[in-house]
PDB file of N, CA and C in Angstrom:
ATOM      1  N   MET A   1     -62.428 -29.020  61.120  1.00  0.00           N
ATOM      2  CA  MET A   1     -62.215 -29.086  62.546  1.00  0.00           C
ATOM      3  C   MET A   1     -60.726 -29.019  62.878  1.00  0.00           C
ATOM      4  N   ARG A   2     -59.878 -29.478  61.978  1.00  0.00           N
ATOM      5  CA  ARG A   2     -58.439 -29.478  62.240  1.00  0.00           C
ATOM      6  C   ARG A   2     -57.865 -28.064  62.190  1.00  0.00           C
ATOM      7  N   TYR A   3     -58.402 -27.239  61.316  1.00  0.00           N
ATOM      8  CA  TYR A   3     -57.829 -25.915  61.108  1.00  0.00           C
ATOM      9  C   TYR A   3     -57.943 -24.998  62.314  1.00  0.00           C
ATOM     10  N   PRO A   4     -59.070 -24.998  63.050  1.00  0.00           N
ATOM     11  CA  PRO A   4     -59.119 -24.139  64.241  1.00  0.00           C
ATOM     12  C   PRO A   4     -58.059 -24.513  65.278  1.00  0.00           C
ATOM     13  N   VAL A   5     -57.828 -25.808  65.467  1.00  0.00           N
ATOM     14  CA  VAL A   5     -56.819 -26.234  66.438  1.00  0.00           C
ATOM     15  C   VAL A   5     -55.445 -25.770  65.990  1.00  0.00           C
ATOM     16  N   LEU A   6     -55.149 -25.941  64.727  1.00  0.00           N
ATOM     17  CA  LEU A   6     -53.844 -25.520  64.227  1.00  0.00           C
ATOM     18  C   LEU A   6     -53.690 -24.009  64.284  1.00  0.00           C
ATOM     19  N   CYS A   7     -54.767 -23.278  64.035  1.00  0.00           N
ATOM     20  CA  CYS A   7     -54.701 -21.815  64.132  1.00  0.00           C
ATOM     21  C   CYS A   7     -54.445 -21.383  65.567  1.00  0.00           C
ATOM     22  N   VAL A   8     -55.122 -22.023  66.524  1.00  0.00           N
ATOM     23  CA  VAL A   8     -54.890 -21.703  67.935  1.00  0.00           C
ATOM     24  C   VAL A   8     -53.453 -22.004  68.302  1.00  0.00           C
ATOM     25  N   LEU A   9     -52.963 -23.159  67.866  1.00  0.00           N
ATOM     26  CA  LEU A   9     -51.583 -23.517  68.165  1.00  0.00           C
ATOM     27  C   LEU A   9     -50.603 -22.544  67.531  1.00  0.00           C
ATOM     28  N   ALA A  10     -50.876 -22.143  66.310  1.00  0.00           N
ATOM     29  CA  ALA A  10     -49.988 -21.195  65.640  1.00  0.00           C
ATOM     30  C   ALA A  10     -49.972 -19.862  66.375  1.00  0.00           C
ATOM     31  N   LEU A  11     -51.138 -19.407  66.810  1.00  0.00           N
ATOM     32  CA  LEU A  11     -51.207 -18.139  67.537  1.00  0.00           C
ATOM     33  C   LEU A  11     -50.525 -18.236  68.897  1.00  0.00           C
ATOM     34  N   CYS A  12     -50.615 -19.399  69.518  1.00  0.00           N
ATOM     35  CA  CYS A  12     -50.003 -19.579  70.839  1.00  0.00           C
ATOM     36  C   CYS A  12     -48.495 -19.755  70.754  1.00  0.00           C
ATOM     37  N   THR A  13     -48.022 -20.336  69.679  1.00  0.00           N
ATOM     38  CA  THR A  13     -46.604 -20.693  69.624  1.00  0.00           C
ATOM     39  C   THR A  13     -45.726 -19.690  68.899  1.00  0.00           C
ATOM     40  N   ALA A  14     -46.255 -18.873  68.023  1.00  0.00           N
ATOM     41  CA  ALA A  14     -45.418 -17.931  67.286  1.00  0.00           C
ATOM     42  C   ALA A  14     -44.668 -16.979  68.214  1.00  0.00           C
ATOM     43  N   PRO A  15     -45.312 -16.351  69.183  1.00  0.00           N
ATOM     44  CA  PRO A  15     -44.560 -15.470  70.075  1.00  0.00           C
ATOM     45  C   PRO A  15     -43.577 -16.218  70.971  1.00  0.00           C
ATOM     46  N   ALA A  16     -43.810 -17.499  71.198  1.00  0.00           N
ATOM     47  CA  ALA A  16     -42.916 -18.265  72.066  1.00  0.00           C
ATOM     48  C   ALA A  16     -41.514 -18.342  71.500  1.00  0.00           C
ATOM     49  N   ALA A  17     -41.396 -18.300  70.202  1.00  0.00           N
ATOM     50  CA  ALA A  17     -40.075 -18.331  69.591  1.00  0.00           C
ATOM     51  C   ALA A  17     -39.319 -17.034  69.854  1.00  0.00           C
ATOM     52  N   ILE A  18     -40.045 -15.965  70.076  1.00  0.00           N
ATOM     53  CA  ILE A  18     -39.435 -14.670  70.313  1.00  0.00           C
ATOM     54  C   ILE A  18     -39.088 -14.486  71.788  1.00  0.00           C
ATOM     55  N   HIS A  19     -39.968 -14.895  72.662  1.00  0.00           N
ATOM     56  CA  HIS A  19     -39.793 -14.699  74.092  1.00  0.00           C
ATOM     57  C   HIS A  19     -39.235 -15.953  74.747  1.00  0.00           C
ATOM     58  N   ALA A  20     -38.396 -15.767  75.741  1.00  0.00           N
ATOM     59  CA  ALA A  20     -37.818 -16.907  76.451  1.00  0.00           C
ATOM     60  C   ALA A  20     -38.894 -17.684  77.196  1.00  0.00           C
ATOM     61  N   GLN A  21     -39.877 -16.979  77.733  1.00  0.00           N
ATOM     62  CA  GLN A  21     -40.937 -17.635  78.460  1.00  0.00           C
ATOM     63  C   GLN A  21     -42.114 -17.860  77.518  1.00  0.00           C
ATOM     64  N   SER A  22     -42.585 -19.079  77.455  1.00  0.00           N
ATOM     65  CA  SER A  22     -43.653 -19.433  76.532  1.00  0.00           C
ATOM     66  C   SER A  22     -45.004 -18.940  77.034  1.00  0.00           C
ATOM     67  N   ILE A  23     -45.848 -18.541  76.106  1.00  0.00           N
ATOM     68  CA  ILE A  23     -47.214 -18.181  76.465  1.00  0.00           C
ATOM     69  C   ILE A  23     -48.154 -19.374  76.306  1.00  0.00           C
ATOM     70  N   VAL A  24     -47.624 -20.498  75.837  1.00  0.00           N
ATOM     71  CA  VAL A  24     -48.437 -21.703  75.707  1.00  0.00           C
ATOM     72  C   VAL A  24     -48.725 -22.209  77.110  1.00  0.00           C
ATOM     73  N   PRO A  25     -49.998 -22.297  77.479  1.00  0.00           N
ATOM     74  CA  PRO A  25     -50.318 -22.729  78.839  1.00  0.00           C
ATOM     75  C   PRO A  25     -49.942 -24.191  79.055  1.00  0.00           C
ATOM     76  N   SER A  26     -49.513 -24.483  80.265  1.00  0.00           N
ATOM     77  CA  SER A  26     -49.221 -25.867  80.599  1.00  0.00           C
ATOM     78  C   SER A  26     -50.535 -26.618  80.797  1.00  0.00           C
ATOM     79  N   LEU A  27     -50.461 -27.925  80.686  1.00  0.00           N
ATOM     80  CA  LEU A  27     -51.674 -28.731  80.794  1.00  0.00           C
ATOM     81  C   LEU A  27     -52.215 -28.788  82.211  1.00  0.00           C
ATOM     82  N   ASP A  28     -51.383 -28.493  83.190  1.00  0.00           N
ATOM     83  CA  ASP A  28     -51.856 -28.529  84.578  1.00  0.00           C
ATOM     84  C   ASP A  28     -52.237 -27.148  85.115  1.00  0.00           C
ATOM     85  N   GLU A  29     -52.268 -26.150  84.242  1.00  0.00           N
ATOM     86  CA  GLU A  29     -52.665 -24.810  84.656  1.00  0.00           C
ATOM     87  C   GLU A  29     -54.154 -24.798  84.999  1.00  0.00           C
ATOM     88  N   PRO A  30     -54.513 -24.184  86.128  1.00  0.00           N
ATOM     89  CA  PRO A  30     -55.926 -24.155  86.509  1.00  0.00           C
ATOM     90  C   PRO A  30     -56.713 -23.127  85.704  1.00  0.00           C
ATOM     91  N   GLY A  31     -58.007 -23.241  85.779  1.00  0.00           N
ATOM     92  CA  GLY A  31     -58.888 -22.249  85.179  1.00  0.00           C
ATOM     93  C   GLY A  31     -59.094 -22.425  83.691  1.00  0.00           C
ATOM     94  N   HIS A  32     -59.655 -21.375  83.089  1.00  0.00           N
ATOM     95  CA  HIS A  32     -60.028 -21.394  81.676  1.00  0.00           C
ATOM     96  C   HIS A  32     -58.821 -21.623  80.765  1.00  0.00           C
ATOM     97  N   LYS A  33     -57.719 -20.979  81.092  1.00  0.00           N
ATOM     98  CA  LYS A  33     -56.519 -21.126  80.260  1.00  0.00           C
ATOM     99  C   LYS A  33     -56.070 -22.592  80.213  1.00  0.00           C
ATOM    100  N   GLY A  34     -56.061 -23.248  81.334  1.00  0.00           N
ATOM    101  CA  GLY A  34     -55.707 -24.665  81.388  1.00  0.00           C
ATOM    102  C   GLY A  34     -56.729 -25.536  80.678  1.00  0.00           C
ATOM    103  N   ASP A  35     -58.012 -25.192  80.831  1.00  0.00           N
ATOM    104  CA  ASP A  35     -59.071 -25.942  80.146  1.00  0.00           C
ATOM    105  C   ASP A  35     -58.882 -25.872  78.633  1.00  0.00           C
ATOM    106  N   MET A  36     -58.564 -24.685  78.137  1.00  0.00           N
ATOM    107  CA  MET A  36     -58.346 -24.515  76.696  1.00  0.00           C
ATOM    108  C   MET A  36     -57.106 -25.284  76.242  1.00  0.00           C
ATOM    109  N   ALA A  37     -56.060 -25.271  77.052  1.00  0.00           N
ATOM    110  CA  ALA A  37     -54.838 -26.005  76.707  1.00  0.00           C
ATOM    111  C   ALA A  37     -55.123 -27.501  76.636  1.00  0.00           C
ATOM    112  N   ARG A  38     -55.851 -28.029  77.617  1.00  0.00           N
ATOM    113  CA  ARG A  38     -56.167 -29.463  77.622  1.00  0.00           C
ATOM    114  C   ARG A  38     -57.051 -29.843  76.438  1.00  0.00           C
ATOM    115  N   MET A  39     -57.997 -28.976  76.079  1.00  0.00           N
ATOM    116  CA  MET A  39     -58.855 -29.245  74.924  1.00  0.00           C
ATOM    117  C   MET A  39     -58.015 -29.256  73.636  1.00  0.00           C
ATOM    118  N   ALA A  40     -57.146 -28.269  73.474  1.00  0.00           N
ATOM    119  CA  ALA A  40     -56.292 -28.214  72.280  1.00  0.00           C
ATOM    120  C   ALA A  40     -55.335 -29.397  72.251  1.00  0.00           C
ATOM    121  N   TRP A  41     -54.816 -29.801  73.405  1.00  0.00           N
ATOM    122  CA  TRP A  41     -53.905 -30.951  73.483  1.00  0.00           C
ATOM    123  C   TRP A  41     -54.628 -32.230  73.054  1.00  0.00           C
ATOM    124  N   ARG A  42     -55.830 -32.441  73.576  1.00  0.00           N
ATOM    125  CA  ARG A  42     -56.584 -33.653  73.204  1.00  0.00           C
ATOM    126  C   ARG A  42     -56.845 -33.701  71.699  1.00  0.00           C
ATOM    127  N   ARG A  43     -57.239 -32.575  71.126  1.00  0.00           N
ATOM    128  CA  ARG A  43     -57.491 -32.530  69.679  1.00  0.00           C
ATOM    129  C   ARG A  43     -56.201 -32.745  68.888  1.00  0.00           C
ATOM    130  N   SER A  44     -55.128 -32.181  69.376  1.00  0.00           N
ATOM    131  CA  SER A  44     -53.833 -32.342  68.694  1.00  0.00           C
ATOM    132  C   SER A  44     -53.371 -33.793  68.728  1.00  0.00           C
ATOM    133  N   VAL A  45     -53.523 -34.435  69.884  1.00  0.00           N
ATOM    134  CA  VAL A  45     -53.148 -35.854  70.004  1.00  0.00           C
ATOM    135  C   VAL A  45     -53.992 -36.689  69.045  1.00  0.00           C
ATOM    136  N   ALA A  46     -55.292 -36.425  68.997  1.00  0.00           N
ATOM    137  CA  ALA A  46     -56.180 -37.180  68.105  1.00  0.00           C
ATOM    138  C   ALA A  46     -55.789 -36.974  66.649  1.00  0.00           C
ATOM    139  N   GLN A  47     -55.474 -35.742  66.272  1.00  0.00           N
ATOM    140  CA  GLN A  47     -55.084 -35.486  64.877  1.00  0.00           C
ATOM    141  C   GLN A  47     -53.739 -36.134  64.566  1.00  0.00           C
ATOM    142  N   PHE A  48     -52.779 -36.003  65.473  1.00  0.00           N
ATOM    143  CA  PHE A  48     -51.462 -36.596  65.248  1.00  0.00           C
ATOM    144  C   PHE A  48     -51.588 -38.114  65.108  1.00  0.00           C
ATOM    145  N   ASP A  49     -52.270 -38.739  66.060  1.00  0.00           N
ATOM    146  CA  ASP A  49     -52.428 -40.199  66.021  1.00  0.00           C
ATOM    147  C   ASP A  49     -53.211 -40.654  64.798  1.00  0.00           C
ATOM    148  N   GLY A  50     -54.225 -39.890  64.394  1.00  0.00           N
ATOM    149  CA  GLY A  50     -55.002 -40.233  63.208  1.00  0.00           C
ATOM    150  C   GLY A  50     -54.216 -40.088  61.920  1.00  0.00           C
ATOM    151  N   THR A  51     -53.244 -39.194  61.914  1.00  0.00           N
ATOM    152  CA  THR A  51     -52.421 -38.971  60.730  1.00  0.00           C
ATOM    153  C   THR A  51     -51.263 -39.952  60.661  1.00  0.00           C
ATOM    154  N   ASP A  52     -50.783 -40.420  61.807  1.00  0.00           N
ATOM    155  CA  ASP A  52     -49.634 -41.327  61.884  1.00  0.00           C
ATOM    156  C   ASP A  52     -50.061 -42.745  61.509  1.00  0.00           C
ATOM    157  N   ALA A  53     -50.183 -42.991  60.210  1.00  0.00           N
ATOM    158  CA  ALA A  53     -50.722 -44.259  59.707  1.00  0.00           C
ATOM    159  C   ALA A  53     -49.885 -45.466  60.109  1.00  0.00           C
ATOM    160  N   ASP A  54     -48.563 -45.343  60.101  1.00  0.00           N
ATOM    161  CA  ASP A  54     -47.719 -46.490  60.436  1.00  0.00           C
ATOM    162  C   ASP A  54     -47.378 -46.564  61.926  1.00  0.00           C
ATOM    163  N   LYS A  55     -47.915 -45.641  62.715  1.00  0.00           N
ATOM    164  CA  LYS A  55     -47.778 -45.620  64.180  1.00  0.00           C
ATOM    165  C   LYS A  55     -46.321 -45.654  64.642  1.00  0.00           C
ATOM    166  N   ASP A  56     -45.455 -44.911  63.936  1.00  0.00           N
ATOM    167  CA  ASP A  56     -44.045 -44.859  64.333  1.00  0.00           C
ATOM    168  C   ASP A  56     -43.715 -43.630  65.182  1.00  0.00           C
ATOM    169  N   GLY A  57     -44.728 -42.828  65.538  1.00  0.00           N
ATOM    170  CA  GLY A  57     -44.525 -41.689  66.400  1.00  0.00           C
ATOM    171  C   GLY A  57     -44.020 -40.444  65.700  1.00  0.00           C
ATOM    172  N   ARG A  58     -44.056 -40.452  64.391  1.00  0.00           N
ATOM    173  CA  ARG A  58     -43.659 -39.287  63.601  1.00  0.00           C
ATOM    174  C   ARG A  58     -44.472 -39.284  62.319  1.00  0.00           C
ATOM    175  N   LEU A  59     -44.584 -38.106  61.703  1.00  0.00           N
ATOM    176  CA  LEU A  59     -45.425 -37.966  60.521  1.00  0.00           C
ATOM    177  C   LEU A  59     -44.566 -37.746  59.284  1.00  0.00           C
ATOM    178  N   ALA A  60     -44.685 -38.647  58.332  1.00  0.00           N
ATOM    179  CA  ALA A  60     -43.994 -38.511  57.054  1.00  0.00           C
ATOM    180  C   ALA A  60     -44.810 -37.603  56.138  1.00  0.00           C
ATOM    181  N   ARG A  61     -44.155 -37.049  55.167  1.00  0.00           N
ATOM    182  CA  ARG A  61     -44.822 -36.167  54.197  1.00  0.00           C
ATOM    183  C   ARG A  61     -46.018 -36.878  53.547  1.00  0.00           C
ATOM    184  N   GLU A  62     -45.875 -38.153  53.230  1.00  0.00           N
ATOM    185  CA  GLU A  62     -46.953 -38.919  52.593  1.00  0.00           C
ATOM    186  C   GLU A  62     -48.150 -39.074  53.524  1.00  0.00           C
ATOM    187  N   GLU A  63     -47.891 -39.240  54.826  1.00  0.00           N
ATOM    188  CA  GLU A  63     -48.985 -39.375  55.783  1.00  0.00           C
ATOM    189  C   GLU A  63     -49.775 -38.072  55.892  1.00  0.00           C
ATOM    190  N   VAL A  64     -49.087 -36.956  55.979  1.00  0.00           N
ATOM    191  CA  VAL A  64     -49.806 -35.687  56.120  1.00  0.00           C
ATOM    192  C   VAL A  64     -50.500 -35.295  54.822  1.00  0.00           C
ATOM    193  N   ALA A  65     -49.971 -35.735  53.685  1.00  0.00           N
ATOM    194  CA  ALA A  65     -50.589 -35.407  52.392  1.00  0.00           C
ATOM    195  C   ALA A  65     -51.992 -35.999  52.295  1.00  0.00           C
ATOM    196  N   ARG A  66     -52.232 -37.115  52.961  1.00  0.00           N
ATOM    197  CA  ARG A  66     -53.548 -37.758  52.935  1.00  0.00           C
ATOM    198  C   ARG A  66     -54.523 -37.138  53.926  1.00  0.00           C
ATOM    199  N   GLN A  67     -54.030 -36.343  54.876  1.00  0.00           N
ATOM    200  CA  GLN A  67     -54.885 -35.889  55.963  1.00  0.00           C
ATOM    201  C   GLN A  67     -55.077 -34.381  56.083  1.00  0.00           C
ATOM    202  N   SER A  68     -54.055 -33.601  55.764  1.00  0.00           N
ATOM    203  CA  SER A  68     -54.139 -32.178  56.094  1.00  0.00           C
ATOM    204  C   SER A  68     -53.484 -31.309  55.031  1.00  0.00           C
ATOM    205  N   ARG A  69     -54.264 -30.449  54.444  1.00  0.00           N
ATOM    206  CA  ARG A  69     -53.743 -29.507  53.452  1.00  0.00           C
ATOM    207  C   ARG A  69     -52.762 -28.523  54.106  1.00  0.00           C
ATOM    208  N   TYR A  70     -53.104 -28.053  55.312  1.00  0.00           N
ATOM    209  CA  TYR A  70     -52.227 -27.117  56.028  1.00  0.00           C
ATOM    210  C   TYR A  70     -50.851 -27.736  56.272  1.00  0.00           C
ATOM    211  N   LEU A  71     -50.824 -28.958  56.809  1.00  0.00           N
ATOM    212  CA  LEU A  71     -49.536 -29.611  57.085  1.00  0.00           C
ATOM    213  C   LEU A  71     -48.768 -29.888  55.801  1.00  0.00           C
ATOM    214  N   THR A  72     -49.474 -30.261  54.764  1.00  0.00           N
ATOM    215  CA  THR A  72     -48.826 -30.516  53.477  1.00  0.00           C
ATOM    216  C   THR A  72     -48.183 -29.239  52.947  1.00  0.00           C
ATOM    217  N   ASP A  73     -48.922 -28.153  52.965  1.00  0.00           N
ATOM    218  CA  ASP A  73     -48.422 -26.886  52.436  1.00  0.00           C
ATOM    219  C   ASP A  73     -47.277 -26.310  53.269  1.00  0.00           C
ATOM    220  N   ASN A  74     -47.230 -26.636  54.556  1.00  0.00           N
ATOM    221  CA  ASN A  74     -46.238 -26.056  55.459  1.00  0.00           C
ATOM    222  C   ASN A  74     -45.224 -27.073  55.985  1.00  0.00           C
ATOM    223  N   PHE A  75     -45.168 -28.242  55.372  1.00  0.00           N
ATOM    224  CA  PHE A  75     -44.330 -29.320  55.882  1.00  0.00           C
ATOM    225  C   PHE A  75     -42.869 -28.894  56.037  1.00  0.00           C
ATOM    226  N   ASP A  76     -42.287 -28.294  55.019  1.00  0.00           N
ATOM    227  CA  ASP A  76     -40.876 -27.927  55.077  1.00  0.00           C
ATOM    228  C   ASP A  76     -40.593 -26.899  56.168  1.00  0.00           C
ATOM    229  N   ARG A  77     -41.501 -25.982  56.384  1.00  0.00           N
ATOM    230  CA  ARG A  77     -41.323 -24.979  57.435  1.00  0.00           C
ATOM    231  C   ARG A  77     -41.464 -25.610  58.817  1.00  0.00           C
ATOM    232  N   LEU A  78     -42.404 -26.533  58.977  1.00  0.00           N
ATOM    233  CA  LEU A  78     -42.635 -27.169  60.266  1.00  0.00           C
ATOM    234  C   LEU A  78     -41.552 -28.186  60.617  1.00  0.00           C
ATOM    235  N   ASP A  79     -40.956 -28.805  59.618  1.00  0.00           N
ATOM    236  CA  ASP A  79     -39.906 -29.805  59.832  1.00  0.00           C
ATOM    237  C   ASP A  79     -38.591 -29.095  60.161  1.00  0.00           C
ATOM    238  N   THR A  80     -38.481 -28.605  61.392  1.00  0.00           N
ATOM    239  CA  THR A  80     -37.307 -27.811  61.775  1.00  0.00           C
ATOM    240  C   THR A  80     -36.031 -28.633  61.852  1.00  0.00           C
ATOM    241  N   SER A  81     -36.140 -29.940  62.069  1.00  0.00           N
ATOM    242  CA  SER A  81     -34.954 -30.795  62.104  1.00  0.00           C
ATOM    243  C   SER A  81     -34.508 -31.210  60.705  1.00  0.00           C
ATOM    244  N   LYS A  82     -35.342 -30.945  59.721  1.00  0.00           N
ATOM    245  CA  LYS A  82     -35.055 -31.263  58.310  1.00  0.00           C
ATOM    246  C   LYS A  82     -34.737 -32.742  58.107  1.00  0.00           C
ATOM    247  N   ASP A  83     -35.448 -33.610  58.835  1.00  0.00           N
ATOM    248  CA  ASP A  83     -35.239 -35.046  58.685  1.00  0.00           C
ATOM    249  C   ASP A  83     -36.312 -35.720  57.834  1.00  0.00           C
ATOM    250  N   GLY A  84     -37.250 -34.927  57.300  1.00  0.00           N
ATOM    251  CA  GLY A  84     -38.300 -35.484  56.453  1.00  0.00           C
ATOM    252  C   GLY A  84     -39.507 -35.988  57.209  1.00  0.00           C
ATOM    253  N   TYR A  85     -39.550 -35.741  58.512  1.00  0.00           N
ATOM    254  CA  TYR A  85     -40.658 -36.167  59.361  1.00  0.00           C
ATOM    255  C   TYR A  85     -41.028 -35.039  60.312  1.00  0.00           C
ATOM    256  N   LEU A  86     -42.280 -35.051  60.756  1.00  0.00           N
ATOM    257  CA  LEU A  86     -42.700 -34.137  61.801  1.00  0.00           C
ATOM    258  C   LEU A  86     -42.790 -34.905  63.108  1.00  0.00           C
ATOM    259  N   SER A  87     -42.026 -34.476  64.084  1.00  0.00           N
ATOM    260  CA  SER A  87     -42.135 -35.046  65.424  1.00  0.00           C
ATOM    261  C   SER A  87     -43.355 -34.415  66.107  1.00  0.00           C
ATOM    262  N   TRP A  88     -43.693 -34.922  67.272  1.00  0.00           N
ATOM    263  CA  TRP A  88     -44.795 -34.338  68.034  1.00  0.00           C
ATOM    264  C   TRP A  88     -44.534 -32.856  68.299  1.00  0.00           C
ATOM    265  N   GLU A  89     -43.320 -32.520  68.725  1.00  0.00           N
ATOM    266  CA  GLU A  89     -42.981 -31.126  69.036  1.00  0.00           C
ATOM    267  C   GLU A  89     -43.067 -30.245  67.793  1.00  0.00           C
ATOM    268  N   GLU A  90     -42.627 -30.754  66.657  1.00  0.00           N
ATOM    269  CA  GLU A  90     -42.729 -29.987  65.419  1.00  0.00           C
ATOM    270  C   GLU A  90     -44.190 -29.833  65.003  1.00  0.00           C
ATOM    271  N   PHE A  91     -44.979 -30.853  65.238  1.00  0.00           N
ATOM    272  CA  PHE A  91     -46.399 -30.835  64.883  1.00  0.00           C
ATOM    273  C   PHE A  91     -47.155 -29.770  65.682  1.00  0.00           C
ATOM    274  N   VAL A  92     -46.933 -29.723  66.998  1.00  0.00           N
ATOM    275  CA  VAL A  92     -47.657 -28.744  67.817  1.00  0.00           C
ATOM    276  C   VAL A  92     -46.931 -27.410  67.896  1.00  0.00           C
ATOM    277  N   GLY A  93     -45.658 -27.388  67.544  1.00  0.00           N
ATOM    278  CA  GLY A  93     -44.921 -26.129  67.494  1.00  0.00           C
ATOM    279  C   GLY A  93     -44.255 -25.712  68.784  1.00  0.00           C
ATOM    280  N   HIS A  94     -44.211 -26.601  69.781  1.00  0.00           N
ATOM    281  CA  HIS A  94     -43.554 -26.293  71.050  1.00  0.00           C
ATOM    282  C   HIS A  94     -43.305 -27.592  71.795  1.00  0.00           C
ATOM    283  N   ASP A  95     -42.623 -27.483  72.920  1.00  0.00           N
ATOM    284  CA  ASP A  95     -42.321 -28.686  73.699  1.00  0.00           C
ATOM    285  C   ASP A  95     -42.952 -28.657  75.099  1.00  0.00           C
ATOM    286  N   ARG A  96     -43.983 -27.858  75.266  1.00  0.00           N
ATOM    287  CA  ARG A  96     -44.619 -27.747  76.589  1.00  0.00           C
ATOM    288  C   ARG A  96     -45.653 -28.836  76.851  1.00  0.00           C
ATOM    289  N   TRP A  97     -46.120 -29.494  75.798  1.00  0.00           N
ATOM    290  CA  TRP A  97     -47.126 -30.542  75.958  1.00  0.00           C
ATOM    291  C   TRP A  97     -46.531 -31.891  75.599  1.00  0.00           C
ATOM    292  N   PRO A  98     -46.303 -32.753  76.581  1.00  0.00           N
ATOM    293  CA  PRO A  98     -45.817 -34.090  76.250  1.00  0.00           C
ATOM    294  C   PRO A  98     -46.900 -34.889  75.542  1.00  0.00           C
ATOM    295  N   LYS A  99     -46.492 -35.836  74.762  1.00  0.00           N
ATOM    296  CA  LYS A  99     -47.476 -36.675  74.067  1.00  0.00           C
ATOM    297  C   LYS A  99     -47.799 -37.879  74.906  1.00  0.00           C
TER     298      LYS A  99
END
């Protein structure tokens, strides 16, 4: 169940790095696009919170190793700040959805 959400997020966020304007829908966008964004946001929050074992608001390599093969395999690429943790923005791949 985690992989479809991450795949959707990856597809939504990859072009955003190229274009100044993000294609990631905002959470208050009306219609189907907004509905899909809110559904993906809820699933992302649940996965992030479920993975954050010590509840410090960031994901350590050890925390993701217990929960997600995708995050484990891609941790170094996703950790853009290179601080050894995934922030919410690094986890979802953009900053359009507040946690």
